[in-house]
Amino acid sequence: MALGTPKVGILIVDDDRDSQAALRELLGSEGWRLGITSVASEALPELATGEWSLVIINVAMSGLDGPLYDTLKELAQAPPVEGDSKRARVLFLVPELAGPTAQPVLERERLPYALKPFHLHDFLEKVSDLLMETSAITDPIRRVKQLHGGAGLRDGRRAERERMGAHSGGRSTNMFASRTDYEMTEEEIAEYERQEQEQEQVRKKKKQLGEFGLG
């Protein structure tokens, strides 16, 4: 089922209905077109259409070998832009029970992944970075920008967490870690902001080099 506008297309392959609902609420609010399937065999035909900017897939459905995993790995490791073509980015979702097996493999292959339950802001940041790689978006998604900085970061995460709970009848979804799991100390916030500034400088430098044909 597809929702939203076609500017950015995100294909979600997950048979966990709680995850589907959380991702629909979180990413659909950005106005993006979402394709949601609970059947792994439908993923490859969808990828062949070339309509998707990002694929978010439960690694329990793709497995760690086989045609679907091999295709996703190739997409994830390929340059985001080749000639005039843009390649879909891939983000693997790793359920808690699959973590000990899947995480070492994904790290060895240098594949983007998010462990479930995951930190809301970290997940949004990964989605934002992957979409920016192919210029599907030109700036970080708004919630990542809103959650930057000091107490605002913690308060933003708290508000987002509470909002997500409100949309599930006051019950938290197993997609997201509890509030105490993702609050940051002042030192962690300062380090996070320092890394963000460094990354922004790198992005600006790459953009400048690209404008001069040096990228």
N, C-alpha and C. Protein backbone atom coordinates (compact mmCIF):
# COMPACT_ATOMS: atom_id res chain seq x y z
N MET A 1 0.85 -1.19 0.00
CA MET A 1 0.00 0.00 0.00
C MET A 1 0.88 1.23 0.00
N ALA A 2 0.62 2.19 -0.89
CA ALA A 2 1.43 3.39 -1.01
C ALA A 2 0.70 4.58 -0.41
N LEU A 3 1.44 5.42 0.32
CA LEU A 3 0.88 6.61 0.94
C LEU A 3 1.75 7.80 0.59
N GLY A 4 1.16 9.00 0.54
CA GLY A 4 1.94 10.21 0.39
C GLY A 4 2.25 10.56 -1.04
N THR A 5 3.19 11.48 -1.24
CA THR A 5 3.55 12.02 -2.55
C THR A 5 4.80 11.33 -3.06
N PRO A 6 5.03 11.36 -4.40
CA PRO A 6 6.13 10.59 -4.97
C PRO A 6 7.50 11.26 -4.91
N LYS A 7 7.64 12.42 -4.26
CA LYS A 7 8.92 13.12 -4.27
C LYS A 7 10.04 12.24 -3.70
N VAL A 8 9.79 11.61 -2.57
CA VAL A 8 10.71 10.66 -1.96
C VAL A 8 9.94 9.37 -1.74
N GLY A 9 10.49 8.27 -2.23
CA GLY A 9 9.82 6.99 -2.06
C GLY A 9 10.60 6.08 -1.13
N ILE A 10 9.94 5.56 -0.12
CA ILE A 10 10.58 4.65 0.84
C ILE A 10 9.81 3.35 0.86
N LEU A 11 10.50 2.26 0.57
CA LEU A 11 9.90 0.93 0.60
C LEU A 11 10.23 0.27 1.94
N ILE A 12 9.20 -0.12 2.68
CA ILE A 12 9.36 -0.77 3.97
C ILE A 12 9.00 -2.24 3.82
N VAL A 13 9.95 -3.11 4.12
CA VAL A 13 9.72 -4.55 4.02
C VAL A 13 9.85 -5.12 5.43
N ASP A 14 8.71 -5.35 6.06
CA ASP A 14 8.71 -5.79 7.46
C ASP A 14 7.37 -6.44 7.76
N ASP A 15 7.38 -7.60 8.39
CA ASP A 15 6.13 -8.27 8.72
C ASP A 15 5.70 -8.01 10.16
N ASP A 16 6.41 -7.12 10.85
CA ASP A 16 6.06 -6.71 12.21
C ASP A 16 5.07 -5.55 12.11
N ARG A 17 3.82 -5.78 12.49
CA ARG A 17 2.79 -4.75 12.32
C ARG A 17 3.04 -3.53 13.20
N ASP A 18 3.64 -3.73 14.38
CA ASP A 18 3.99 -2.58 15.22
C ASP A 18 5.03 -1.71 14.53
N SER A 19 6.01 -2.35 13.92
CA SER A 19 7.03 -1.61 13.20
C SER A 19 6.42 -0.87 12.01
N GLN A 20 5.56 -1.54 11.28
CA GLN A 20 4.90 -0.90 10.14
C GLN A 20 4.16 0.36 10.59
N ALA A 21 3.40 0.23 11.67
CA ALA A 21 2.60 1.36 12.15
C ALA A 21 3.49 2.51 12.59
N ALA A 22 4.59 2.20 13.29
CA ALA A 22 5.48 3.25 13.77
C ALA A 22 6.17 3.95 12.62
N LEU A 23 6.64 3.19 11.64
CA LEU A 23 7.31 3.79 10.50
C LEU A 23 6.35 4.59 9.63
N ARG A 24 5.13 4.09 9.49
CA ARG A 24 4.12 4.84 8.73
C ARG A 24 3.85 6.18 9.38
N GLU A 25 3.73 6.18 10.70
CA GLU A 25 3.47 7.42 11.43
C GLU A 25 4.66 8.38 11.35
N LEU A 26 5.84 7.83 11.54
CA LEU A 26 7.04 8.66 11.63
C LEU A 26 7.46 9.21 10.27
N LEU A 27 7.54 8.35 9.25
CA LEU A 27 8.04 8.77 7.94
C LEU A 27 6.94 9.34 7.06
N GLY A 28 5.72 8.84 7.23
CA GLY A 28 4.62 9.36 6.44
C GLY A 28 4.32 10.81 6.74
N SER A 29 4.61 11.25 7.96
CA SER A 29 4.35 12.64 8.33
C SER A 29 5.26 13.61 7.59
N GLU A 30 6.32 13.09 6.95
CA GLU A 30 7.20 13.95 6.15
C GLU A 30 6.63 14.20 4.76
N GLY A 31 5.51 13.55 4.42
CA GLY A 31 4.91 13.73 3.11
C GLY A 31 5.52 12.83 2.05
N TRP A 32 6.29 11.84 2.47
CA TRP A 32 6.93 10.93 1.52
C TRP A 32 5.99 9.81 1.12
N ARG A 33 6.22 9.26 -0.05
CA ARG A 33 5.45 8.11 -0.51
C ARG A 33 6.02 6.85 0.12
N LEU A 34 5.16 6.10 0.77
CA LEU A 34 5.59 4.89 1.46
C LEU A 34 4.99 3.66 0.78
N GLY A 35 5.82 2.66 0.55
CA GLY A 35 5.35 1.36 0.12
C GLY A 35 5.63 0.38 1.24
N ILE A 36 4.62 -0.34 1.68
CA ILE A 36 4.76 -1.23 2.82
C ILE A 36 4.35 -2.64 2.41
N THR A 37 5.25 -3.59 2.60
CA THR A 37 4.94 -4.98 2.28
C THR A 37 5.39 -5.89 3.40
N SER A 38 4.62 -6.92 3.65
CA SER A 38 4.96 -7.93 4.66
C SER A 38 5.52 -9.19 4.02
N VAL A 39 5.72 -9.16 2.70
CA VAL A 39 6.14 -10.34 1.95
C VAL A 39 7.50 -10.08 1.32
N ALA A 40 8.52 -10.85 1.72
CA ALA A 40 9.87 -10.62 1.23
C ALA A 40 9.97 -10.80 -0.28
N SER A 41 9.19 -11.72 -0.84
CA SER A 41 9.29 -12.00 -2.28
C SER A 41 8.83 -10.82 -3.13
N GLU A 42 8.11 -9.88 -2.54
CA GLU A 42 7.66 -8.71 -3.29
C GLU A 42 8.72 -7.62 -3.37
N ALA A 43 9.79 -7.76 -2.60
CA ALA A 43 10.79 -6.69 -2.53
C ALA A 43 11.55 -6.53 -3.84
N LEU A 44 12.02 -7.63 -4.43
CA LEU A 44 12.82 -7.53 -5.65
C LEU A 44 12.03 -6.93 -6.82
N PRO A 45 10.78 -7.37 -7.08
CA PRO A 45 10.01 -6.72 -8.14
C PRO A 45 9.82 -5.22 -7.89
N GLU A 46 9.62 -4.84 -6.64
CA GLU A 46 9.47 -3.42 -6.32
C GLU A 46 10.77 -2.66 -6.59
N LEU A 47 11.90 -3.26 -6.21
CA LEU A 47 13.19 -2.62 -6.45
C LEU A 47 13.44 -2.42 -7.93
N ALA A 48 12.97 -3.36 -8.74
CA ALA A 48 13.19 -3.30 -10.18
C ALA A 48 12.48 -2.11 -10.83
N THR A 49 11.46 -1.56 -10.16
CA THR A 49 10.74 -0.42 -10.73
C THR A 49 11.57 0.85 -10.70
N GLY A 50 12.58 0.91 -9.83
CA GLY A 50 13.41 2.09 -9.73
C GLY A 50 12.71 3.28 -9.10
N GLU A 51 11.60 3.04 -8.40
CA GLU A 51 10.81 4.13 -7.85
C GLU A 51 11.20 4.50 -6.42
N TRP A 52 12.10 3.74 -5.83
CA TRP A 52 12.34 3.92 -4.40
C TRP A 52 13.68 4.58 -4.12
N SER A 53 13.67 5.56 -3.23
CA SER A 53 14.90 6.24 -2.80
C SER A 53 15.61 5.47 -1.69
N LEU A 54 14.81 4.77 -0.88
CA LEU A 54 15.36 4.07 0.29
C LEU A 54 14.54 2.81 0.54
N VAL A 55 15.22 1.73 0.89
CA VAL A 55 14.57 0.49 1.30
C VAL A 55 14.90 0.26 2.77
N ILE A 56 13.87 0.12 3.59
CA ILE A 56 14.05 -0.22 5.00
C ILE A 56 13.53 -1.63 5.17
N ILE A 57 14.40 -2.57 5.53
CA ILE A 57 14.00 -3.97 5.54
C ILE A 57 14.43 -4.66 6.83
N ASN A 58 13.53 -5.45 7.36
CA ASN A 58 13.81 -6.29 8.52
C ASN A 58 14.75 -7.41 8.07
N VAL A 59 15.92 -7.49 8.70
CA VAL A 59 16.91 -8.47 8.28
C VAL A 59 16.41 -9.90 8.49
N ALA A 60 15.43 -10.07 9.36
CA ALA A 60 14.86 -11.40 9.55
C ALA A 60 14.12 -11.85 8.30
N MET A 61 13.69 -10.90 7.45
CA MET A 61 13.00 -11.24 6.22
C MET A 61 13.96 -11.42 5.05
N SER A 62 15.02 -10.62 5.02
CA SER A 62 15.99 -10.73 3.93
C SER A 62 16.95 -11.88 4.15
N GLY A 63 17.18 -12.25 5.43
CA GLY A 63 18.21 -13.22 5.74
C GLY A 63 19.58 -12.62 5.52
N LEU A 64 20.62 -13.42 5.69
CA LEU A 64 22.00 -12.95 5.50
C LEU A 64 22.66 -13.62 4.31
N ASP A 65 21.85 -14.23 3.45
CA ASP A 65 22.32 -14.77 2.18
C ASP A 65 21.11 -14.93 1.26
N GLY A 66 21.37 -15.30 0.03
CA GLY A 66 20.26 -15.46 -0.91
C GLY A 66 20.11 -14.27 -1.84
N PRO A 67 19.27 -14.38 -2.86
CA PRO A 67 19.14 -13.34 -3.89
C PRO A 67 18.73 -11.98 -3.35
N LEU A 68 17.77 -11.93 -2.42
CA LEU A 68 17.31 -10.64 -1.90
C LEU A 68 18.42 -9.95 -1.12
N TYR A 69 19.06 -10.67 -0.23
CA TYR A 69 20.14 -10.07 0.56
C TYR A 69 21.28 -9.63 -0.35
N ASP A 70 21.64 -10.45 -1.33
CA ASP A 70 22.74 -10.10 -2.23
C ASP A 70 22.43 -8.83 -3.01
N THR A 71 21.18 -8.69 -3.47
CA THR A 71 20.78 -7.49 -4.20
C THR A 71 20.83 -6.26 -3.31
N LEU A 72 20.32 -6.40 -2.10
CA LEU A 72 20.33 -5.28 -1.17
C LEU A 72 21.75 -4.89 -0.78
N LYS A 73 22.60 -5.88 -0.59
CA LYS A 73 24.00 -5.58 -0.26
C LYS A 73 24.68 -4.85 -1.40
N GLU A 74 24.41 -5.27 -2.64
CA GLU A 74 24.98 -4.61 -3.80
C GLU A 74 24.51 -3.16 -3.89
N LEU A 75 23.22 -2.94 -3.64
CA LEU A 75 22.70 -1.58 -3.66
C LEU A 75 23.35 -0.72 -2.59
N ALA A 76 23.45 -1.28 -1.38
CA ALA A 76 23.99 -0.52 -0.25
C ALA A 76 25.46 -0.16 -0.46
N GLN A 77 26.21 -1.05 -1.12
CA GLN A 77 27.64 -0.82 -1.29
C GLN A 77 27.98 -0.05 -2.56
N ALA A 78 27.02 0.07 -3.48
CA ALA A 78 27.27 0.78 -4.74
C ALA A 78 27.31 2.29 -4.50
N PRO A 79 28.00 3.03 -5.37
CA PRO A 79 27.96 4.49 -5.27
C PRO A 79 26.52 4.97 -5.34
N PRO A 80 26.15 5.99 -4.57
CA PRO A 80 24.76 6.45 -4.58
C PRO A 80 24.31 7.01 -5.93
N VAL A 81 25.25 7.54 -6.69
CA VAL A 81 24.94 8.09 -8.02
C VAL A 81 25.96 7.54 -9.01
N GLU A 82 25.47 6.94 -10.09
CA GLU A 82 26.34 6.42 -11.15
C GLU A 82 25.85 6.98 -12.48
N GLY A 83 26.66 7.87 -13.08
CA GLY A 83 26.23 8.51 -14.31
C GLY A 83 25.02 9.37 -14.04
N ASP A 84 23.96 9.13 -14.78
CA ASP A 84 22.72 9.87 -14.57
C ASP A 84 21.74 9.11 -13.69
N SER A 85 22.16 7.96 -13.17
CA SER A 85 21.27 7.11 -12.39
C SER A 85 21.56 7.23 -10.90
N LYS A 86 20.49 7.23 -10.11
CA LYS A 86 20.60 7.23 -8.66
C LYS A 86 20.23 5.86 -8.14
N ARG A 87 21.03 5.35 -7.21
CA ARG A 87 20.79 4.03 -6.65
C ARG A 87 20.07 4.15 -5.32
N ALA A 88 19.09 3.30 -5.11
CA ALA A 88 18.38 3.30 -3.84
C ALA A 88 19.36 2.97 -2.70
N ARG A 89 19.18 3.60 -1.59
CA ARG A 89 19.94 3.27 -0.39
C ARG A 89 19.17 2.21 0.41
N VAL A 90 19.87 1.55 1.33
CA VAL A 90 19.28 0.45 2.08
C VAL A 90 19.60 0.62 3.57
N LEU A 91 18.58 0.40 4.40
CA LEU A 91 18.78 0.40 5.84
C LEU A 91 18.16 -0.89 6.40
N PHE A 92 18.99 -1.72 7.01
CA PHE A 92 18.53 -2.97 7.60
C PHE A 92 18.04 -2.73 9.03
N LEU A 93 16.87 -3.26 9.35
CA LEU A 93 16.38 -3.26 10.73
C LEU A 93 16.74 -4.60 11.36
N VAL A 94 17.35 -4.56 12.52
CA VAL A 94 17.81 -5.79 13.18
C VAL A 94 17.02 -6.00 14.47
N PRO A 95 16.11 -6.98 14.49
CA PRO A 95 15.38 -7.29 15.74
C PRO A 95 16.35 -7.70 16.84
N GLU A 96 15.93 -7.48 18.06
CA GLU A 96 16.81 -7.72 19.20
C GLU A 96 17.33 -9.16 19.21
N LEU A 97 16.50 -10.13 18.95
CA LEU A 97 16.92 -11.53 19.01
C LEU A 97 17.90 -11.87 17.89
N ALA A 98 17.83 -11.14 16.76
CA ALA A 98 18.72 -11.42 15.64
C ALA A 98 20.04 -10.68 15.74
N GLY A 99 20.15 -9.77 16.71
CA GLY A 99 21.34 -8.94 16.83
C GLY A 99 22.66 -9.69 16.91
N PRO A 100 22.79 -10.67 17.81
CA PRO A 100 24.08 -11.36 17.95
C PRO A 100 24.56 -12.03 16.66
N THR A 101 23.63 -12.47 15.81
CA THR A 101 24.01 -13.11 14.55
C THR A 101 24.19 -12.10 13.43
N ALA A 102 23.23 -11.17 13.31
CA ALA A 102 23.22 -10.27 12.16
C ALA A 102 24.19 -9.10 12.30
N GLN A 103 24.33 -8.55 13.48
CA GLN A 103 25.13 -7.34 13.64
C GLN A 103 26.58 -7.52 13.19
N PRO A 104 27.28 -8.59 13.58
CA PRO A 104 28.66 -8.76 13.12
C PRO A 104 28.76 -8.86 11.59
N VAL A 105 27.79 -9.51 10.95
CA VAL A 105 27.81 -9.65 9.50
C VAL A 105 27.62 -8.30 8.83
N LEU A 106 26.65 -7.53 9.29
CA LEU A 106 26.38 -6.21 8.70
C LEU A 106 27.55 -5.26 8.91
N GLU A 107 28.18 -5.34 10.06
CA GLU A 107 29.35 -4.50 10.30
C GLU A 107 30.52 -4.91 9.42
N ARG A 108 30.72 -6.20 9.27
CA ARG A 108 31.81 -6.67 8.42
C ARG A 108 31.60 -6.25 6.96
N GLU A 109 30.34 -6.26 6.51
CA GLU A 109 30.02 -5.87 5.14
C GLU A 109 29.85 -4.36 5.00
N ARG A 110 29.96 -3.63 6.11
CA ARG A 110 29.79 -2.17 6.13
C ARG A 110 28.42 -1.76 5.59
N LEU A 111 27.38 -2.43 6.07
CA LEU A 111 26.02 -2.15 5.63
C LEU A 111 25.29 -1.35 6.71
N PRO A 112 24.53 -0.34 6.31
CA PRO A 112 23.80 0.48 7.29
C PRO A 112 22.73 -0.35 7.99
N TYR A 113 22.61 -0.21 9.30
CA TYR A 113 21.60 -0.96 10.03
C TYR A 113 21.18 -0.18 11.27
N ALA A 114 20.03 -0.55 11.80
CA ALA A 114 19.54 0.00 13.06
C ALA A 114 19.01 -1.15 13.90
N LEU A 115 19.47 -1.24 15.14
CA LEU A 115 19.02 -2.28 16.05
C LEU A 115 17.66 -1.89 16.63
N LYS A 116 16.78 -2.87 16.79
CA LYS A 116 15.49 -2.65 17.43
C LYS A 116 15.51 -3.27 18.83
N PRO A 117 14.97 -2.56 19.84
CA PRO A 117 14.41 -1.21 19.75
C PRO A 117 15.53 -0.18 19.60
N PHE A 118 15.31 0.84 18.75
CA PHE A 118 16.38 1.79 18.50
C PHE A 118 16.01 3.19 18.96
N HIS A 119 17.04 4.01 19.08
CA HIS A 119 16.85 5.39 19.50
C HIS A 119 16.21 6.16 18.35
N LEU A 120 15.16 6.87 18.64
CA LEU A 120 14.39 7.56 17.62
C LEU A 120 15.26 8.52 16.82
N HIS A 121 16.03 9.35 17.50
CA HIS A 121 16.84 10.34 16.80
C HIS A 121 17.90 9.69 15.94
N ASP A 122 18.54 8.64 16.45
CA ASP A 122 19.58 7.96 15.68
C ASP A 122 18.98 7.35 14.41
N PHE A 123 17.80 6.80 14.52
CA PHE A 123 17.14 6.22 13.36
C PHE A 123 16.83 7.30 12.31
N LEU A 124 16.27 8.41 12.77
CA LEU A 124 15.95 9.50 11.84
C LEU A 124 17.21 10.05 11.18
N GLU A 125 18.29 10.11 11.94
CA GLU A 125 19.54 10.62 11.38
C GLU A 125 20.07 9.69 10.29
N LYS A 126 19.96 8.39 10.50
CA LYS A 126 20.42 7.44 9.48
C LYS A 126 19.56 7.55 8.23
N VAL A 127 18.25 7.65 8.40
CA VAL A 127 17.35 7.83 7.25
C VAL A 127 17.71 9.10 6.51
N SER A 128 17.91 10.18 7.26
CA SER A 128 18.25 11.47 6.66
C SER A 128 19.54 11.40 5.86
N ASP A 129 20.58 10.80 6.45
CA ASP A 129 21.88 10.72 5.77
C ASP A 129 21.79 9.88 4.49
N LEU A 130 21.05 8.78 4.55
CA LEU A 130 20.94 7.91 3.38
C LEU A 130 20.18 8.60 2.25
N LEU A 131 19.13 9.34 2.58
CA LEU A 131 18.39 10.07 1.55
C LEU A 131 19.21 11.20 0.96
N MET A 132 20.05 11.82 1.78
CA MET A 132 20.89 12.91 1.28
C MET A 132 21.99 12.40 0.37
N GLU A 133 22.40 11.15 0.52
CA GLU A 133 23.46 10.60 -0.33
C GLU A 133 23.08 10.67 -1.81
N THR A 134 21.81 10.46 -2.13
CA THR A 134 21.37 10.48 -3.52
C THR A 134 20.65 11.77 -3.86
N SER A 135 20.74 12.75 -2.97
CA SER A 135 20.06 14.04 -3.15
C SER A 135 18.55 13.88 -3.24
N ALA A 136 18.01 12.79 -2.67
CA ALA A 136 16.55 12.66 -2.57
C ALA A 136 16.00 13.79 -1.71
N ILE A 137 16.80 14.19 -0.71
CA ILE A 137 16.54 15.42 0.04
C ILE A 137 17.85 16.19 0.08
N THR A 138 17.75 17.50 0.21
CA THR A 138 18.96 18.33 0.20
C THR A 138 19.38 18.78 1.58
N ASP A 139 18.48 18.68 2.54
CA ASP A 139 18.77 19.08 3.91
C ASP A 139 18.29 17.99 4.86
N PRO A 140 18.86 17.92 6.07
CA PRO A 140 18.41 16.92 7.03
C PRO A 140 16.91 17.05 7.27
N ILE A 141 16.24 15.92 7.50
CA ILE A 141 14.81 15.99 7.73
C ILE A 141 14.52 16.80 8.98
N ARG A 142 13.35 17.39 9.02
CA ARG A 142 13.06 18.44 10.00
C ARG A 142 13.19 17.98 11.44
N ARG A 143 12.82 16.74 11.74
CA ARG A 143 12.90 16.32 13.13
C ARG A 143 14.34 16.21 13.59
N VAL A 144 15.25 15.81 12.69
CA VAL A 144 16.66 15.77 13.06
C VAL A 144 17.14 17.16 13.39
N LYS A 145 16.74 18.15 12.58
CA LYS A 145 17.15 19.53 12.83
C LYS A 145 16.53 20.04 14.12
N GLN A 146 15.25 19.72 14.35
CA GLN A 146 14.57 20.20 15.55
C GLN A 146 15.18 19.63 16.82
N LEU A 147 15.72 18.41 16.74
CA LEU A 147 16.20 17.74 17.94
C LEU A 147 17.65 18.08 18.26
N HIS A 148 18.29 18.96 17.48
CA HIS A 148 19.67 19.32 17.75
C HIS A 148 19.75 20.20 19.00
N GLY A 149 20.82 20.00 19.79
CA GLY A 149 21.23 21.00 20.75
C GLY A 149 20.65 20.90 22.14
N GLY A 150 21.52 20.75 23.14
CA GLY A 150 21.24 20.94 24.54
C GLY A 150 19.96 20.31 25.04
N ALA A 151 19.27 21.07 25.93
CA ALA A 151 18.03 20.56 26.50
C ALA A 151 17.00 20.33 25.43
N GLY A 152 17.06 21.12 24.36
CA GLY A 152 16.11 20.96 23.27
C GLY A 152 16.18 19.58 22.68
N LEU A 153 17.36 19.00 22.64
CA LEU A 153 17.52 17.65 22.11
C LEU A 153 16.79 16.65 22.99
N ARG A 154 16.99 16.76 24.29
CA ARG A 154 16.32 15.83 25.20
C ARG A 154 14.82 16.06 25.20
N ASP A 155 14.41 17.34 25.24
CA ASP A 155 12.98 17.65 25.27
C ASP A 155 12.32 17.21 23.98
N GLY A 156 13.03 17.40 22.85
CA GLY A 156 12.48 16.98 21.57
C GLY A 156 12.28 15.49 21.52
N ARG A 157 13.25 14.75 22.02
CA ARG A 157 13.12 13.30 22.04
C ARG A 157 11.98 12.87 22.94
N ARG A 158 11.85 13.56 24.10
CA ARG A 158 10.77 13.22 25.03
C ARG A 158 9.42 13.47 24.38
N ALA A 159 9.29 14.64 23.72
CA ALA A 159 8.02 14.98 23.07
C ALA A 159 7.70 13.99 21.96
N GLU A 160 8.72 13.62 21.18
CA GLU A 160 8.48 12.69 20.09
C GLU A 160 8.09 11.32 20.62
N ARG A 161 8.78 10.92 21.69
CA ARG A 161 8.45 9.63 22.31
C ARG A 161 7.01 9.61 22.81
N GLU A 162 6.61 10.71 23.49
CA GLU A 162 5.27 10.78 24.04
C GLU A 162 4.24 10.84 22.92
N ARG A 163 4.57 11.54 21.83
CA ARG A 163 3.66 11.64 20.70
C ARG A 163 3.43 10.26 20.09
N MET A 164 4.53 9.49 19.92
CA MET A 164 4.40 8.16 19.36
C MET A 164 3.57 7.26 20.28
N GLY A 165 3.72 7.44 21.60
CA GLY A 165 2.91 6.66 22.53
C GLY A 165 1.45 7.02 22.43
N ALA A 166 1.16 8.32 22.22
CA ALA A 166 -0.22 8.76 22.12
C ALA A 166 -0.90 8.15 20.91
N HIS A 167 -0.15 7.95 19.82
CA HIS A 167 -0.74 7.40 18.61
C HIS A 167 -0.90 5.88 18.69
N SER A 168 -0.43 5.27 19.75
CA SER A 168 -0.61 3.83 19.90
C SER A 168 -1.43 3.53 21.16
N GLY A 169 -2.33 4.51 21.49
CA GLY A 169 -3.21 4.30 22.63
C GLY A 169 -2.49 4.37 23.95
N GLY A 170 -1.38 5.13 24.00
CA GLY A 170 -0.63 5.27 25.23
C GLY A 170 0.37 4.15 25.45
N ARG A 171 0.38 3.16 24.56
CA ARG A 171 1.33 2.06 24.70
C ARG A 171 2.55 2.34 23.84
N SER A 172 3.74 2.06 24.36
CA SER A 172 4.94 2.26 23.56
C SER A 172 5.07 1.12 22.57
N THR A 173 5.66 1.42 21.42
CA THR A 173 5.88 0.39 20.41
C THR A 173 7.28 -0.18 20.59
N ASN A 174 7.45 -1.46 20.26
CA ASN A 174 8.76 -2.08 20.45
C ASN A 174 9.79 -1.59 19.44
N MET A 175 9.41 -0.65 18.58
CA MET A 175 10.37 -0.06 17.64
C MET A 175 11.36 0.85 18.37
N PHE A 176 10.91 1.50 19.45
CA PHE A 176 11.69 2.57 20.04
C PHE A 176 12.10 2.26 21.47
N ALA A 177 13.31 2.67 21.83
CA ALA A 177 13.80 2.48 23.18
C ALA A 177 13.05 3.39 24.14
N SER A 178 13.06 3.03 25.42
CA SER A 178 12.40 3.86 26.42
C SER A 178 13.14 5.18 26.59
N ARG A 179 12.46 6.15 27.16
CA ARG A 179 13.03 7.50 27.29
C ARG A 179 14.38 7.48 28.01
N THR A 180 14.46 6.71 29.11
CA THR A 180 15.71 6.70 29.87
C THR A 180 16.85 6.08 29.07
N ASP A 181 16.52 5.26 28.08
CA ASP A 181 17.56 4.63 27.28
C ASP A 181 18.24 5.60 26.33
N TYR A 182 17.54 6.68 25.96
CA TYR A 182 18.15 7.54 24.95
C TYR A 182 18.37 8.99 25.39
N GLU A 183 18.16 9.32 26.69
CA GLU A 183 18.54 10.63 27.16
C GLU A 183 20.07 10.72 27.19
N MET A 184 20.58 11.91 26.92
CA MET A 184 22.03 12.10 26.79
C MET A 184 22.55 12.97 27.92
N THR A 185 23.80 12.73 28.33
CA THR A 185 24.45 13.60 29.29
C THR A 185 24.94 14.85 28.57
N GLU A 186 25.30 15.87 29.35
CA GLU A 186 25.80 17.11 28.75
C GLU A 186 27.06 16.84 27.93
N GLU A 187 27.92 15.94 28.41
CA GLU A 187 29.15 15.61 27.69
C GLU A 187 28.83 14.94 26.35
N GLU A 188 27.82 14.03 26.36
CA GLU A 188 27.43 13.35 25.13
C GLU A 188 26.83 14.33 24.13
N ILE A 189 26.06 15.29 24.63
CA ILE A 189 25.48 16.30 23.75
C ILE A 189 26.58 17.15 23.12
N ALA A 190 27.57 17.56 23.94
CA ALA A 190 28.66 18.37 23.41
C ALA A 190 29.45 17.61 22.35
N GLU A 191 29.70 16.32 22.58
CA GLU A 191 30.42 15.51 21.61
C GLU A 191 29.59 15.33 20.35
N TYR A 192 28.29 15.13 20.53
CA TYR A 192 27.40 14.98 19.38
C TYR A 192 27.41 16.24 18.52
N GLU A 193 27.33 17.41 19.16
CA GLU A 193 27.31 18.67 18.42
C GLU A 193 28.64 18.89 17.70
N ARG A 194 29.75 18.50 18.35
CA ARG A 194 31.06 18.64 17.71
C ARG A 194 31.13 17.79 16.45
N GLN A 195 30.66 16.54 16.54
CA GLN A 195 30.67 15.65 15.37
C GLN A 195 29.76 16.18 14.26
N GLU A 196 28.62 16.74 14.65
CA GLU A 196 27.71 17.31 13.66
C GLU A 196 28.37 18.46 12.90
N GLN A 197 29.09 19.33 13.63
CA GLN A 197 29.77 20.45 12.99
C GLN A 197 30.84 19.97 12.03
N GLU A 198 31.59 18.93 12.43
CA GLU A 198 32.62 18.39 11.55
C GLU A 198 32.00 17.78 10.30
N GLN A 199 30.89 17.04 10.46
CA GLN A 199 30.23 16.43 9.31
C GLN A 199 29.68 17.49 8.37
N GLU A 200 29.15 18.57 8.94
CA GLU A 200 28.61 19.65 8.11
C GLU A 200 29.72 20.31 7.31
N GLN A 201 30.89 20.48 7.91
CA GLN A 201 32.03 21.06 7.20
C GLN A 201 32.48 20.16 6.06
N VAL A 202 32.48 18.84 6.31
CA VAL A 202 32.84 17.89 5.26
C VAL A 202 31.84 17.94 4.12
N ARG A 203 30.54 18.00 4.45
CA ARG A 203 29.51 18.06 3.41
C ARG A 203 29.65 19.33 2.57
N LYS A 204 29.93 20.46 3.22
CA LYS A 204 30.09 21.72 2.49
C LYS A 204 31.30 21.66 1.57
N LYS A 205 32.39 21.05 2.06
CA LYS A 205 33.60 20.94 1.26
C LYS A 205 33.36 20.08 0.03
N LYS A 206 32.65 18.93 0.22
CA LYS A 206 32.34 18.05 -0.90
C LYS A 206 31.46 18.77 -1.92
N LYS A 207 30.50 19.55 -1.43
CA LYS A 207 29.61 20.28 -2.32
C LYS A 207 30.39 21.31 -3.13
N GLN A 208 31.33 22.01 -2.47
CA GLN A 208 32.13 23.02 -3.17
C GLN A 208 33.02 22.36 -4.23
N LEU A 209 33.62 21.21 -3.87
CA LEU A 209 34.45 20.50 -4.84
C LEU A 209 33.62 20.04 -6.03
N GLY A 210 32.38 19.57 -5.75
CA GLY A 210 31.51 19.14 -6.82
C GLY A 210 31.15 20.27 -7.76
N GLU A 211 30.93 21.46 -7.22
CA GLU A 211 30.58 22.61 -8.04
C GLU A 211 31.72 23.00 -8.98
N PHE A 212 32.95 22.71 -8.56
CA PHE A 212 34.11 23.02 -9.40
C PHE A 212 34.59 21.83 -10.20
N GLY A 213 33.78 20.76 -10.19
CA GLY A 213 34.13 19.57 -10.97
C GLY A 213 35.29 18.80 -10.41
N LEU A 214 35.54 18.94 -9.09
CA LEU A 214 36.67 18.26 -8.46
C LEU A 214 36.23 17.11 -7.58
N GLY A 215 34.90 16.91 -7.45
CA GLY A 215 34.40 15.86 -6.56
C GLY A 215 34.49 14.50 -7.20
